[in-house]
């Protein structure tokens, strides 16, 4: 969790904090999403955005489940903190997936891919997603700091 959030760019791929920053930057560039951009490029961007939202929601859901299960392995205070982190990841997952569903039901340019998935993304929704991602990035930074504290406590307890 810590390593992933703090990881640098690797072979052109970003993750963690830098991944959020690049995702936000891409959503902020109007010229990538407006009518002057080639329709197939906009469609590809929508597909990537949808996949990223789905992957983020699923990854945070899995993290919440996994960390909750691991909490029983820790001592009382560390277990309480880890349960809090697990709960936060579950909430992040819910927020992301609710937003993704909103994209599928909102007003905007309809693009269909894979035969059945319809995505819509207009300026208001892009701005909403940018705020969502910024908020999640800040929250995950806090969770990383909490995880570091738990690891420090465990190291101290082993001495």
C-alpha atoms as a PDB file:
ATOM      1  CA  UNK A   1       0.000   0.000   0.000  1.00  0.00           C
ATOM      2  CA  UNK A   2       2.695   2.458   0.994  1.00  0.00           C
ATOM      3  CA  UNK A   3       5.093   1.455  -1.769  1.00  0.00           C
ATOM      4  CA  UNK A   4       2.362   1.597  -4.402  1.00  0.00           C
ATOM      5  CA  UNK A   5       1.107   5.020  -3.340  1.00  0.00           C
ATOM      6  CA  UNK A   6       4.612   6.483  -3.290  1.00  0.00           C
ATOM      7  CA  UNK A   7       5.946   4.663  -6.370  1.00  0.00           C
ATOM      8  CA  UNK A   8       7.591   6.669  -9.139  1.00  0.00           C
ATOM      9  CA  UNK A   9       6.689   6.377 -12.813  1.00  0.00           C
ATOM     10  CA  UNK A  10       7.728   2.974 -14.151  1.00  0.00           C
ATOM     11  CA  UNK A  11       8.127   2.517 -17.937  1.00  0.00           C
ATOM     12  CA  UNK A  12       5.628   5.285 -18.630  1.00  0.00           C
ATOM     13  CA  UNK A  13       3.021   4.038 -16.150  1.00  0.00           C
ATOM     14  CA  UNK A  14       1.974   5.978 -13.067  1.00  0.00           C
ATOM     15  CA  UNK A  15       0.399   4.692  -9.901  1.00  0.00           C
ATOM     16  CA  UNK A  16      -0.516   5.992  -6.483  1.00  0.00           C
ATOM     17  CA  UNK A  17      -0.148   9.711  -5.908  1.00  0.00           C
ATOM     18  CA  UNK A  18       1.427  10.381  -9.306  1.00  0.00           C
ATOM     19  CA  UNK A  19      -1.249   8.288 -10.996  1.00  0.00           C
ATOM     20  CA  UNK A  20      -3.976  10.435  -9.489  1.00  0.00           C
ATOM     21  CA  UNK A  21      -2.148  13.607 -10.579  1.00  0.00           C
ATOM     22  CA  UNK A  22      -1.831  12.455 -14.193  1.00  0.00           C
ATOM     23  CA  UNK A  23      -5.433  11.252 -14.298  1.00  0.00           C
ATOM     24  CA  UNK A  24      -6.622  14.609 -12.949  1.00  0.00           C
ATOM     25  CA  UNK A  25      -4.428  16.487 -15.438  1.00  0.00           C
ATOM     26  CA  UNK A  26      -5.867  14.510 -18.343  1.00  0.00           C
ATOM     27  CA  UNK A  27      -9.432  15.172 -17.222  1.00  0.00           C
ATOM     28  CA  UNK A  28      -8.612  18.889 -16.884  1.00  0.00           C
ATOM     29  CA  UNK A  29      -7.484  19.334 -20.489  1.00  0.00           C
ATOM     30  CA  UNK A  30     -10.592  20.524 -22.329  1.00  0.00           C
ATOM     31  CA  UNK A  31      -8.979  20.028 -25.741  1.00  0.00           C
ATOM     32  CA  UNK A  32      -8.816  16.277 -25.100  1.00  0.00           C
ATOM     33  CA  UNK A  33     -12.573  16.055 -24.534  1.00  0.00           C
ATOM     34  CA  UNK A  34     -14.215  18.639 -26.791  1.00  0.00           C
ATOM     35  CA  UNK A  35     -15.650  18.379 -30.272  1.00  0.00           C
ATOM     36  CA  UNK A  36     -12.377  19.410 -31.924  1.00  0.00           C
ATOM     37  CA  UNK A  37     -10.795  16.172 -30.705  1.00  0.00           C
ATOM     38  CA  UNK A  38     -11.258  13.170 -32.953  1.00  0.00           C
ATOM     39  CA  UNK A  39     -14.309  11.186 -31.922  1.00  0.00           C
ATOM     40  CA  UNK A  40     -12.403   7.895 -31.823  1.00  0.00           C
ATOM     41  CA  UNK A  41      -9.836   9.519 -29.498  1.00  0.00           C
ATOM     42  CA  UNK A  42     -12.562  10.795 -27.175  1.00  0.00           C
ATOM     43  CA  UNK A  43     -14.165   7.368 -27.231  1.00  0.00           C
ATOM     44  CA  UNK A  44     -10.839   5.733 -26.362  1.00  0.00           C
ATOM     45  CA  UNK A  45     -10.329   8.184 -23.489  1.00  0.00           C
ATOM     46  CA  UNK A  46     -13.818   7.434 -22.185  1.00  0.00           C
ATOM     47  CA  UNK A  47     -13.084   3.712 -22.317  1.00  0.00           C
ATOM     48  CA  UNK A  48      -9.827   4.178 -20.417  1.00  0.00           C
ATOM     49  CA  UNK A  49     -11.533   6.435 -17.871  1.00  0.00           C
ATOM     50  CA  UNK A  50     -14.306   3.893 -17.357  1.00  0.00           C
ATOM     51  CA  UNK A  51     -11.809   1.051 -16.955  1.00  0.00           C
ATOM     52  CA  UNK A  52      -9.782   3.096 -14.468  1.00  0.00           C
ATOM     53  CA  UNK A  53     -12.870   3.943 -12.416  1.00  0.00           C
ATOM     54  CA  UNK A  54     -13.931   0.304 -12.379  1.00  0.00           C
ATOM     55  CA  UNK A  55     -10.423  -0.879 -11.464  1.00  0.00           C
ATOM     56  CA  UNK A  56     -10.054   1.764  -8.753  1.00  0.00           C
ATOM     57  CA  UNK A  57     -13.414   0.881  -7.228  1.00  0.00           C
ATOM     58  CA  UNK A  58     -12.672  -2.840  -7.289  1.00  0.00           C
ATOM     59  CA  UNK A  59      -9.119  -2.463  -5.969  1.00  0.00           C
ATOM     60  CA  UNK A  60     -10.268  -0.330  -3.032  1.00  0.00           C
ATOM     61  CA  UNK A  61     -13.101  -2.752  -2.270  1.00  0.00           C
ATOM     62  CA  UNK A  62     -10.623  -5.643  -2.227  1.00  0.00           C
ATOM     63  CA  UNK A  63      -8.206  -3.653  -0.073  1.00  0.00           C
ATOM     64  CA  UNK A  64     -10.974  -2.971   2.421  1.00  0.00           C
ATOM     65  CA  UNK A  65     -11.888  -6.654   2.677  1.00  0.00           C
ATOM     66  CA  UNK A  66      -8.266  -7.805   2.900  1.00  0.00           C
ATOM     67  CA  UNK A  67      -7.216  -5.265   5.527  1.00  0.00           C
ATOM     68  CA  UNK A  68     -10.292  -6.001   7.642  1.00  0.00           C
ATOM     69  CA  UNK A  69      -9.343  -9.684   7.634  1.00  0.00           C
ATOM     70  CA  UNK A  70      -5.740  -8.837   8.553  1.00  0.00           C
ATOM     71  CA  UNK A  71      -6.767  -6.660  11.492  1.00  0.00           C
ATOM     72  CA  UNK A  72      -7.372  -9.723  13.661  1.00  0.00           C
ATOM     73  CA  UNK A  73      -3.645 -10.498  13.426  1.00  0.00           C
ATOM     74  CA  UNK A  74      -2.695  -7.275  15.180  1.00  0.00           C
ATOM     75  CA  UNK A  75      -2.804  -6.064  18.747  1.00  0.00           C
ATOM     76  CA  UNK A  76      -5.748  -4.027  19.953  1.00  0.00           C
ATOM     77  CA  UNK A  77      -4.752  -0.449  18.994  1.00  0.00           C
ATOM     78  CA  UNK A  78      -3.135  -1.408  15.696  1.00  0.00           C
ATOM     79  CA  UNK A  79      -6.140  -3.606  14.855  1.00  0.00           C
ATOM     80  CA  UNK A  80      -8.505  -0.705  15.520  1.00  0.00           C
ATOM     81  CA  UNK A  81      -6.462   1.552  13.252  1.00  0.00           C
ATOM     82  CA  UNK A  82      -6.243  -1.057  10.493  1.00  0.00           C
ATOM     83  CA  UNK A  83     -10.007  -1.573  10.677  1.00  0.00           C
ATOM     84  CA  UNK A  84     -10.365   2.179  10.195  1.00  0.00           C
ATOM     85  CA  UNK A  85      -8.155   2.056   7.110  1.00  0.00           C
ATOM     86  CA  UNK A  86     -10.169  -0.901   5.788  1.00  0.00           C
ATOM     87  CA  UNK A  87     -13.409   1.013   6.343  1.00  0.00           C
ATOM     88  CA  UNK A  88     -11.996   4.048   4.515  1.00  0.00           C
ATOM     89  CA  UNK A  89     -11.044   1.930   1.509  1.00  0.00           C
ATOM     90  CA  UNK A  90     -14.545   0.454   1.421  1.00  0.00           C
ATOM     91  CA  UNK A  91     -16.009   3.969   1.452  1.00  0.00           C
ATOM     92  CA  UNK A  92     -13.641   5.074  -1.329  1.00  0.00           C
ATOM     93  CA  UNK A  93     -14.773   2.109  -3.409  1.00  0.00           C
ATOM     94  CA  UNK A  94     -18.418   2.989  -2.874  1.00  0.00           C
ATOM     95  CA  UNK A  95     -17.857   6.627  -3.852  1.00  0.00           C
ATOM     96  CA  UNK A  96     -15.996   5.676  -7.031  1.00  0.00           C
ATOM     97  CA  UNK A  97     -18.550   3.104  -8.143  1.00  0.00           C
ATOM     98  CA  UNK A  98     -21.493   5.416  -7.399  1.00  0.00           C
ATOM     99  CA  UNK A  99     -19.829   8.103  -9.504  1.00  0.00           C
ATOM    100  CA  UNK A 100     -19.164   5.615 -12.316  1.00  0.00           C
ATOM    101  CA  UNK A 101     -22.845   4.662 -12.286  1.00  0.00           C
ATOM    102  CA  UNK A 102     -23.739   8.348 -12.430  1.00  0.00           C
ATOM    103  CA  UNK A 103     -21.617   8.679 -15.571  1.00  0.00           C
ATOM    104  CA  UNK A 104     -23.617   5.917 -17.179  1.00  0.00           C
ATOM    105  CA  UNK A 105     -26.946   7.621 -16.409  1.00  0.00           C
ATOM    106  CA  UNK A 106     -26.160  11.301 -16.958  1.00  0.00           C
ATOM    107  CA  UNK A 107     -26.557  13.763 -19.770  1.00  0.00           C
ATOM    108  CA  UNK A 108     -23.662  14.055 -22.148  1.00  0.00           C
ATOM    109  CA  UNK A 109     -22.351  12.716 -25.415  1.00  0.00           C
ATOM    110  CA  UNK A 110     -23.247   9.033 -25.636  1.00  0.00           C
ATOM    111  CA  UNK A 111     -20.478   6.722 -26.767  1.00  0.00           C
ATOM    112  CA  UNK A 112     -21.022   2.997 -26.934  1.00  0.00           C
ATOM    113  CA  UNK A 113     -18.253   0.441 -26.762  1.00  0.00           C
ATOM    114  CA  UNK A 114     -17.947  -3.293 -26.347  1.00  0.00           C
ATOM    115  CA  UNK A 115     -21.445  -3.488 -27.777  1.00  0.00           C
ATOM    116  CA  UNK A 116     -23.279  -2.552 -24.596  1.00  0.00           C
ATOM    117  CA  UNK A 117     -21.478  -0.070 -22.350  1.00  0.00           C
ATOM    118  CA  UNK A 118     -22.583   3.530 -22.731  1.00  0.00           C
ATOM    119  CA  UNK A 119     -20.484   6.302 -21.224  1.00  0.00           C
ATOM    120  CA  UNK A 120     -21.220  10.002 -20.975  1.00  0.00           C
ATOM    121  CA  UNK A 121     -18.795  12.649 -19.836  1.00  0.00           C
ATOM    122  CA  UNK A 122     -19.505  16.358 -19.972  1.00  0.00           C
ATOM    123  CA  UNK A 123     -17.647  19.290 -18.441  1.00  0.00           C
ATOM    124  CA  UNK A 124     -19.639  19.231 -15.193  1.00  0.00           C
ATOM    125  CA  UNK A 125     -19.034  15.514 -14.736  1.00  0.00           C
ATOM    126  CA  UNK A 126     -15.332  15.874 -15.531  1.00  0.00           C
ATOM    127  CA  UNK A 127     -15.084  18.597 -12.897  1.00  0.00           C
ATOM    128  CA  UNK A 128     -16.964  16.414 -10.426  1.00  0.00           C
ATOM    129  CA  UNK A 129     -14.615  13.516 -11.144  1.00  0.00           C
ATOM    130  CA  UNK A 130     -11.581  15.777 -10.734  1.00  0.00           C
ATOM    131  CA  UNK A 131     -12.824  16.838  -7.290  1.00  0.00           C
ATOM    132  CA  UNK A 132     -13.554  13.219  -6.393  1.00  0.00           C
ATOM    133  CA  UNK A 133     -10.060  12.091  -7.409  1.00  0.00           C
ATOM    134  CA  UNK A 134      -8.405  14.979  -5.573  1.00  0.00           C
ATOM    135  CA  UNK A 135     -10.358  14.113  -2.438  1.00  0.00           C
ATOM    136  CA  UNK A 136      -9.469  10.420  -2.725  1.00  0.00           C
ATOM    137  CA  UNK A 137      -5.797  11.251  -3.238  1.00  0.00           C
ATOM    138  CA  UNK A 138      -5.756  13.336  -0.039  1.00  0.00           C
ATOM    139  CA  UNK A 139      -7.585  10.594   1.869  1.00  0.00           C
ATOM    140  CA  UNK A 140      -5.228   7.904   0.621  1.00  0.00           C
ATOM    141  CA  UNK A 141      -2.228  10.022   1.636  1.00  0.00           C
ATOM    142  CA  UNK A 142      -3.704  10.090   5.154  1.00  0.00           C
ATOM    143  CA  UNK A 143      -4.224   6.326   5.044  1.00  0.00           C
ATOM    144  CA  UNK A 144      -0.596   5.823   3.998  1.00  0.00           C
ATOM    145  CA  UNK A 145       0.537   7.879   6.983  1.00  0.00           C
ATOM    146  CA  UNK A 146      -1.681   5.791   9.276  1.00  0.00           C
ATOM    147  CA  UNK A 147      -0.239   2.586   7.795  1.00  0.00           C
ATOM    148  CA  UNK A 148       3.298   3.860   8.401  1.00  0.00           C
ATOM    149  CA  UNK A 149       2.362   4.580  12.011  1.00  0.00           C
ATOM    150  CA  UNK A 150       0.971   1.055  12.444  1.00  0.00           C
ATOM    151  CA  UNK A 151       4.198  -0.418  11.046  1.00  0.00           C
ATOM    152  CA  UNK A 152       6.260   1.758  13.398  1.00  0.00           C
ATOM    153  CA  UNK A 153       4.166   0.579  16.361  1.00  0.00           C
ATOM    154  CA  UNK A 154       4.623  -3.049  15.329  1.00  0.00           C
ATOM    155  CA  UNK A 155       8.385  -2.541  15.038  1.00  0.00           C
ATOM    156  CA  UNK A 156       8.474  -0.970  18.493  1.00  0.00           C
ATOM    157  CA  UNK A 157       6.426  -3.818  19.974  1.00  0.00           C
ATOM    158  CA  UNK A 158       8.892  -6.381  18.620  1.00  0.00           C
ATOM    159  CA  UNK A 159      11.821  -4.789  20.448  1.00  0.00           C
END
